[in-house]
Amino acid sequence: MSVSPHPSVAVVVTTYDHAHFLDAAIGSVLAQTVAPAELIVVDDGSHDRPEEVTRRHPSACLIRQANAGLAAARNTGWQAASSELVVFLDADDRLLPEAIAGNLGRLAEAPEAAFAYGAYVDVHVHAGRTSAPWFVPAVDGYESFLRGNPIGMHATVAYRRSHLDAVGGFDPSLRACEDYDLYLRLAQRFPVAFGPDPIAEYWHHGANMSLDAPMMLDAALTVLGRHEEEARRRGAAAAHDEGVAAWKRHYVDAWAARALVAARSRRVDREVLRQGVALARLAPGTVARAVAVAPSRLARRARRRLRARGRGRS
């Protein structure tokens, strides 16, 4: 009887009304240089018939449930798996061919690590462009995650299933940042492995949940708030406070960029206004500073456009 040279791996693909992306996500799993032992698709109450897609892939096991949110769907997936390692992929993203192999190598070199992660690339669907790989090493373990999210994209992570079980998996009460919450809880107890090789593609298509800046900020601050006491007990209060400030800047800056686009086009974007009001409640000082510098940003962009036009006429 042959013995597998590496731990078994389950890939859990979660989908909610993303059947039009699902075939490509499954294809990226099947294209791995190290094949997963299990491919589990969890449909979180979709209305767009994902079973028609999974039917074309006999190796995919489809589990359907009433809509309960992303965290609950991921819990359904890993709890149904029997493999030693688990990778999670959203249906609108893709794994790169060496994704499983790369994280297997990292975990083999760090047997105490709860999970391993690598880099990812942004794919902007409508603009037709791809970014350079994005990677931040979690050099300080738990403190690195207090300061922010060095991982950035969940599909770059491979978890040891036993460690998921040890901390109870994802928190279904969180509407967002359930992955960030899990990173913190695991990094609080176990080492983390990482490396700069690209693992996955994060597809931006205009309907990503992360575009709702106030919802994302509220979730990130909720998660960090749960770790304030532990951070202070460890002497890492500065890292925690730095993380709170960094999350506020990140989501307010993302909102401000959208607001500038709307202002340049001289149109009223009701969603931008709604998000601005909500963010002002969560981070009033950060929003005030962003609004204060907005006119100068618009002026700088106007000057750049004028210079570009002048160069074009010469």
Protein backbone atom coordinates (compact mmCIF):
# COMPACT_ATOMS: atom_id res chain seq x y z
CA MET A 1 0.00 0.00 0.00
CA SER A 2 1.43 3.42 -0.97
CA VAL A 3 1.75 6.10 1.70
CA SER A 4 1.06 9.77 0.93
CA PRO A 5 4.27 11.85 1.26
CA HIS A 6 2.38 14.82 2.67
CA PRO A 7 -0.67 15.57 4.85
CA SER A 8 -4.07 15.32 3.21
CA VAL A 9 -5.66 18.63 2.18
CA ALA A 10 -9.30 19.67 1.88
CA VAL A 11 -10.27 22.74 -0.14
CA VAL A 12 -13.57 24.32 0.94
CA VAL A 13 -15.16 26.60 -1.67
CA THR A 14 -17.94 28.80 -0.31
CA THR A 15 -20.53 30.35 -2.60
CA TYR A 16 -23.52 32.64 -2.26
CA ASP A 17 -25.10 33.71 -5.55
CA HIS A 18 -21.72 33.36 -7.27
CA ALA A 19 -22.42 30.42 -9.55
CA HIS A 20 -21.10 32.46 -12.49
CA PHE A 21 -17.66 32.50 -10.81
CA LEU A 22 -17.79 29.01 -9.33
CA ASP A 23 -16.58 27.00 -12.32
CA ALA A 24 -13.33 28.99 -12.51
CA ALA A 25 -12.77 28.66 -8.74
CA ILE A 26 -13.21 24.88 -8.90
CA GLY A 27 -10.98 24.77 -11.97
CA SER A 28 -8.21 26.51 -10.03
CA VAL A 29 -8.47 23.83 -7.32
CA LEU A 30 -8.34 21.01 -9.84
CA ALA A 31 -5.27 22.60 -11.49
CA GLN A 32 -3.13 22.30 -8.33
CA THR A 33 0.27 20.67 -8.70
CA VAL A 34 -0.56 18.80 -5.47
CA ALA A 35 -4.12 17.53 -5.71
CA PRO A 36 -6.39 17.97 -2.68
CA ALA A 37 -7.86 14.87 -1.10
CA GLU A 38 -11.24 16.62 -0.75
CA LEU A 39 -13.03 19.38 -2.66
CA ILE A 40 -16.07 20.58 -0.73
CA VAL A 41 -18.40 23.27 -2.09
CA VAL A 42 -20.68 24.88 0.51
CA ASP A 43 -23.68 26.72 -0.91
CA ASP A 44 -24.88 29.26 1.66
CA GLY A 45 -28.48 29.50 0.46
CA SER A 46 -27.84 30.69 -3.11
CA HIS A 47 -30.60 31.49 -5.62
CA ASP A 48 -28.53 30.80 -8.75
CA ARG A 49 -28.28 26.97 -8.90
CA PRO A 50 -24.64 26.19 -8.07
CA GLU A 51 -25.47 22.49 -8.39
CA GLU A 52 -25.47 22.94 -12.17
CA VAL A 53 -21.81 23.92 -11.91
CA THR A 54 -20.69 21.28 -9.41
CA ARG A 55 -22.41 18.59 -11.46
CA ARG A 56 -19.72 19.10 -14.09
CA HIS A 57 -17.00 18.23 -11.54
CA PRO A 58 -17.48 14.70 -10.13
CA SER A 59 -14.77 15.19 -7.50
CA ALA A 60 -16.64 18.11 -5.91
CA CYS A 61 -18.92 17.39 -2.96
CA LEU A 62 -21.76 19.94 -2.71
CA ILE A 63 -23.25 20.78 0.69
CA ARG A 64 -26.29 23.07 0.72
CA GLN A 65 -27.55 25.02 3.72
CA ALA A 66 -29.95 27.85 4.48
CA ASN A 67 -28.25 31.23 4.30
CA ALA A 68 -26.28 31.69 7.52
CA GLY A 69 -23.32 33.84 6.51
CA LEU A 70 -19.75 33.24 5.41
CA ALA A 71 -18.40 32.18 8.80
CA ALA A 72 -21.11 29.55 9.23
CA ALA A 73 -20.56 28.27 5.67
CA ARG A 74 -16.84 27.87 6.31
CA ASN A 75 -17.55 26.03 9.55
CA THR A 76 -19.84 23.67 7.67
CA GLY A 77 -17.05 22.98 5.20
CA TRP A 78 -14.15 22.25 7.54
CA GLN A 79 -16.33 20.24 9.91
CA ALA A 80 -17.39 18.03 7.00
CA ALA A 81 -13.76 17.48 5.96
CA SER A 82 -11.56 14.67 7.25
CA SER A 83 -8.24 15.95 5.86
CA GLU A 84 -5.39 17.16 8.05
CA LEU A 85 -5.16 20.58 6.38
CA VAL A 86 -7.91 22.92 5.19
CA VAL A 87 -7.83 25.71 2.59
CA PHE A 88 -10.78 28.09 2.11
CA LEU A 89 -11.56 29.68 -1.25
CA ASP A 90 -14.38 32.12 -1.99
CA ALA A 91 -16.15 31.30 -5.23
CA ASP A 92 -15.17 34.63 -6.82
CA ASP A 93 -11.42 34.12 -6.26
CA ARG A 94 -8.81 31.68 -7.62
CA LEU A 95 -5.93 29.59 -6.32
CA LEU A 96 -2.64 29.67 -8.19
CA PRO A 97 -1.28 26.24 -9.25
CA GLU A 98 1.37 26.01 -6.50
CA ALA A 99 -0.95 27.13 -3.69
CA ILE A 100 -1.28 23.81 -1.89
CA ALA A 101 2.33 22.78 -2.54
CA GLY A 102 3.68 26.08 -1.21
CA ASN A 103 1.85 25.97 2.09
CA LEU A 104 2.56 22.26 2.55
CA GLY A 105 6.25 23.11 2.41
CA ARG A 106 5.90 25.94 4.92
CA LEU A 107 3.97 23.79 7.38
CA ALA A 108 6.45 20.94 7.02
CA GLU A 109 9.21 23.35 8.09
CA ALA A 110 7.14 24.68 11.01
CA PRO A 111 5.42 21.69 12.63
CA GLU A 112 4.12 23.77 15.56
CA ALA A 113 2.44 26.38 13.34
CA ALA A 114 -1.36 26.55 13.30
CA PHE A 115 -1.44 27.82 9.72
CA ALA A 116 0.73 29.03 6.87
CA TYR A 117 0.15 31.76 4.32
CA GLY A 118 1.73 33.35 1.27
CA ALA A 119 1.28 36.31 -1.07
CA TYR A 120 -1.63 37.15 -3.35
CA VAL A 121 -2.25 39.27 -6.43
CA ASP A 122 -5.17 41.61 -7.05
CA VAL A 123 -7.08 41.06 -10.29
CA HIS A 124 -9.20 44.04 -11.29
CA VAL A 125 -11.79 42.53 -13.58
CA HIS A 126 -13.22 45.65 -15.23
CA ALA A 127 -9.87 47.42 -15.60
CA GLY A 128 -8.24 44.27 -16.97
CA ARG A 129 -5.11 44.56 -14.84
CA THR A 130 -3.28 42.53 -12.21
CA SER A 131 -1.20 43.90 -9.34
CA ALA A 132 2.23 42.85 -8.18
CA PRO A 133 2.17 40.21 -5.41
CA TRP A 134 1.17 41.59 -2.00
CA PHE A 135 2.89 40.08 1.03
CA VAL A 136 3.52 41.21 4.63
CA PRO A 137 5.37 38.85 7.00
CA ALA A 138 3.87 38.36 10.47
CA VAL A 139 7.29 38.67 12.05
CA ASP A 140 5.94 39.32 15.56
CA GLY A 141 3.24 36.65 15.47
CA TYR A 142 0.28 37.75 17.59
CA GLU A 143 1.46 41.37 17.77
CA SER A 144 1.64 41.55 13.97
CA PHE A 145 -2.07 40.69 13.83
CA LEU A 146 -2.89 43.22 16.53
CA ARG A 147 -1.37 45.91 14.30
CA GLY A 148 -3.40 44.84 11.27
CA ASN A 149 -4.00 41.96 8.90
CA PRO A 150 -0.70 40.88 7.32
CA ILE A 151 -2.49 38.15 5.36
CA GLY A 152 -4.98 40.27 3.45
CA MET A 153 -6.63 37.44 1.54
CA HIS A 154 -8.01 34.30 3.12
CA ALA A 155 -7.32 31.89 0.25
CA THR A 156 -3.58 32.26 0.84
CA VAL A 157 -3.93 30.36 4.14
CA ALA A 158 -3.69 26.61 4.86
CA TYR A 159 -4.87 25.61 8.34
CA ARG A 160 -4.17 22.54 10.39
CA ARG A 161 -7.66 21.12 10.96
CA SER A 162 -6.78 20.09 14.53
CA HIS A 163 -5.99 23.72 15.37
CA LEU A 164 -9.25 24.93 13.84
CA ASP A 165 -10.99 22.45 16.09
CA ALA A 166 -8.98 23.61 19.12
CA VAL A 167 -10.29 27.20 18.85
CA GLY A 168 -13.79 26.35 17.60
CA GLY A 169 -13.41 27.56 14.02
CA PHE A 170 -15.01 30.79 12.77
CA ASP A 171 -17.31 33.00 14.83
CA PRO A 172 -20.70 33.02 13.03
CA SER A 173 -21.79 36.15 14.94
CA LEU A 174 -19.38 38.23 12.81
CA ARG A 175 -20.74 39.59 9.52
CA ALA A 176 -17.19 40.33 8.32
CA CYS A 177 -13.57 39.97 9.47
CA GLU A 178 -14.31 36.42 10.66
CA ASP A 179 -10.98 35.39 9.11
CA TYR A 180 -9.10 38.18 10.93
CA ASP A 181 -10.73 37.09 14.19
CA LEU A 182 -9.56 33.51 13.60
CA TYR A 183 -5.99 34.61 12.78
CA LEU A 184 -5.81 36.49 16.07
CA ARG A 185 -7.20 33.63 18.16
CA LEU A 186 -4.79 31.15 16.57
CA ALA A 187 -1.75 33.46 16.66
CA GLN A 188 -2.48 34.12 20.33
CA ARG A 189 -1.80 30.42 21.04
CA PHE A 190 0.37 29.04 18.21
CA PRO A 191 3.19 30.04 15.83
CA VAL A 192 2.44 31.16 12.27
CA ALA A 193 4.37 30.15 9.12
CA PHE A 194 4.63 32.37 6.03
CA GLY A 195 6.51 32.94 2.79
CA PRO A 196 6.44 35.43 -0.11
CA ASP A 197 5.41 33.09 -2.94
CA PRO A 198 2.06 34.03 -4.58
CA ILE A 199 -0.72 31.65 -3.54
CA ALA A 200 -3.99 33.11 -4.85
CA GLU A 201 -5.76 35.75 -6.93
CA TYR A 202 -8.16 38.17 -5.28
CA TRP A 203 -10.72 39.14 -7.93
CA HIS A 204 -12.19 42.64 -7.65
CA HIS A 205 -15.43 42.85 -9.61
CA GLY A 206 -17.33 45.77 -8.08
CA ALA A 207 -19.59 43.73 -5.80
CA ASN A 208 -17.03 42.62 -3.19
CA MET A 209 -18.28 42.75 0.40
CA SER A 210 -15.12 44.65 1.40
CA LEU A 211 -16.41 47.75 -0.45
CA ASP A 212 -18.78 48.42 2.47
CA ALA A 213 -16.23 50.42 4.48
CA PRO A 214 -18.29 51.10 7.63
CA MET A 215 -19.41 47.49 7.95
CA MET A 216 -15.83 46.28 7.56
CA LEU A 217 -14.46 48.85 10.01
CA ASP A 218 -17.11 48.04 12.60
CA ALA A 219 -16.24 44.34 12.34
CA ALA A 220 -12.46 44.97 12.54
CA LEU A 221 -12.85 47.18 15.62
CA THR A 222 -15.15 44.60 17.23
CA VAL A 223 -12.54 41.89 16.69
CA LEU A 224 -9.69 44.02 18.03
CA GLY A 225 -11.78 45.06 21.01
CA ARG A 226 -11.97 41.43 22.07
CA HIS A 227 -8.16 41.36 22.30
CA GLU A 228 -7.57 44.64 24.13
CA GLU A 229 -7.29 43.04 27.57
CA GLU A 230 -5.00 40.25 26.32
CA ALA A 231 -2.82 42.75 24.47
CA ARG A 232 -2.36 44.85 27.60
CA ARG A 233 -1.65 41.75 29.68
CA ARG A 234 1.17 40.85 27.26
CA GLY A 235 2.59 44.35 27.19
CA ALA A 236 1.37 44.80 23.61
CA ALA A 237 -1.02 47.69 24.21
CA ALA A 238 0.85 49.86 21.71
CA ALA A 239 0.39 47.24 18.99
CA HIS A 240 -3.33 47.04 19.75
CA ASP A 241 -3.77 50.82 19.68
CA GLU A 242 -1.74 51.03 16.47
CA GLY A 243 -4.09 48.47 14.94
CA VAL A 244 -7.21 50.46 15.91
CA ALA A 245 -5.77 53.59 14.29
CA ALA A 246 -4.59 51.69 11.20
CA TRP A 247 -8.01 50.10 10.56
CA LYS A 248 -9.69 53.49 10.86
CA ARG A 249 -7.25 55.05 8.37
CA HIS A 250 -7.58 52.11 5.98
CA TYR A 251 -11.36 52.18 5.64
CA VAL A 252 -11.73 55.94 5.83
CA ASP A 253 -9.10 56.31 3.08
CA ALA A 254 -10.96 53.75 0.95
CA TRP A 255 -14.19 55.71 1.41
CA ALA A 256 -12.46 59.04 0.74
CA ALA A 257 -11.11 57.73 -2.56
CA ARG A 258 -14.64 56.84 -3.67
CA ALA A 259 -15.88 60.24 -2.48
CA LEU A 260 -13.21 62.01 -4.55
CA VAL A 261 -14.27 60.06 -7.65
CA ALA A 262 -17.88 61.15 -7.08
CA ALA A 263 -16.82 64.78 -6.48
CA ARG A 264 -14.75 64.88 -9.67
CA SER A 265 -17.72 63.63 -11.66
CA ARG A 266 -20.00 66.18 -9.94
CA ARG A 267 -22.60 63.57 -9.06
CA VAL A 268 -24.33 62.66 -5.82
CA ASP A 269 -23.46 59.11 -4.77
CA ARG A 270 -25.95 58.17 -2.06
CA GLU A 271 -23.95 55.11 -1.05
CA VAL A 272 -20.85 57.24 -0.51
CA LEU A 273 -22.90 59.64 1.61
CA ARG A 274 -24.35 56.78 3.67
CA GLN A 275 -20.92 55.32 4.27
CA GLY A 276 -19.52 58.71 5.22
CA VAL A 277 -22.18 59.24 7.88
CA ALA A 278 -21.64 55.72 9.28
CA LEU A 279 -17.84 56.13 9.31
CA ALA A 280 -18.16 59.49 11.08
CA ARG A 281 -19.83 57.66 13.96
CA LEU A 282 -17.10 55.01 14.12
CA ALA A 283 -14.04 57.21 13.50
CA PRO A 284 -15.01 60.89 13.75
CA GLY A 285 -11.47 62.24 14.03
CA THR A 286 -10.18 60.19 11.10
CA VAL A 287 -13.11 61.23 8.89
CA ALA A 288 -12.66 64.89 9.85
CA ARG A 289 -9.00 64.77 8.82
CA ALA A 290 -9.86 63.06 5.53
CA VAL A 291 -12.50 65.68 4.72
CA ALA A 292 -10.09 68.49 5.62
CA VAL A 293 -7.46 67.35 3.12
CA ALA A 294 -9.96 66.46 0.36
CA PRO A 295 -9.91 69.91 -1.34
CA SER A 296 -6.11 69.85 -1.59
CA ARG A 297 -6.25 66.34 -3.07
CA LEU A 298 -8.74 67.52 -5.69
CA ALA A 299 -6.55 70.53 -6.46
CA ARG A 300 -3.44 68.35 -6.88
CA ARG A 301 -5.29 66.03 -9.25
CA ALA A 302 -6.63 68.99 -11.24
CA ARG A 303 -3.11 70.41 -11.59
CA ARG A 304 -1.82 67.01 -12.78
CA ARG A 305 -4.58 66.87 -15.41
CA LEU A 306 -3.74 70.38 -16.62
CA ARG A 307 -0.03 69.53 -16.88
CA ALA A 308 -0.88 66.33 -18.78
CA ARG A 309 -3.06 68.29 -21.22
CA GLY A 310 -0.27 70.82 -21.69
CA ARG A 311 2.20 68.04 -22.50
CA GLY A 312 -0.28 66.56 -24.93
CA ARG A 313 -0.53 69.88 -26.86
CA SER A 314 3.23 70.44 -27.10
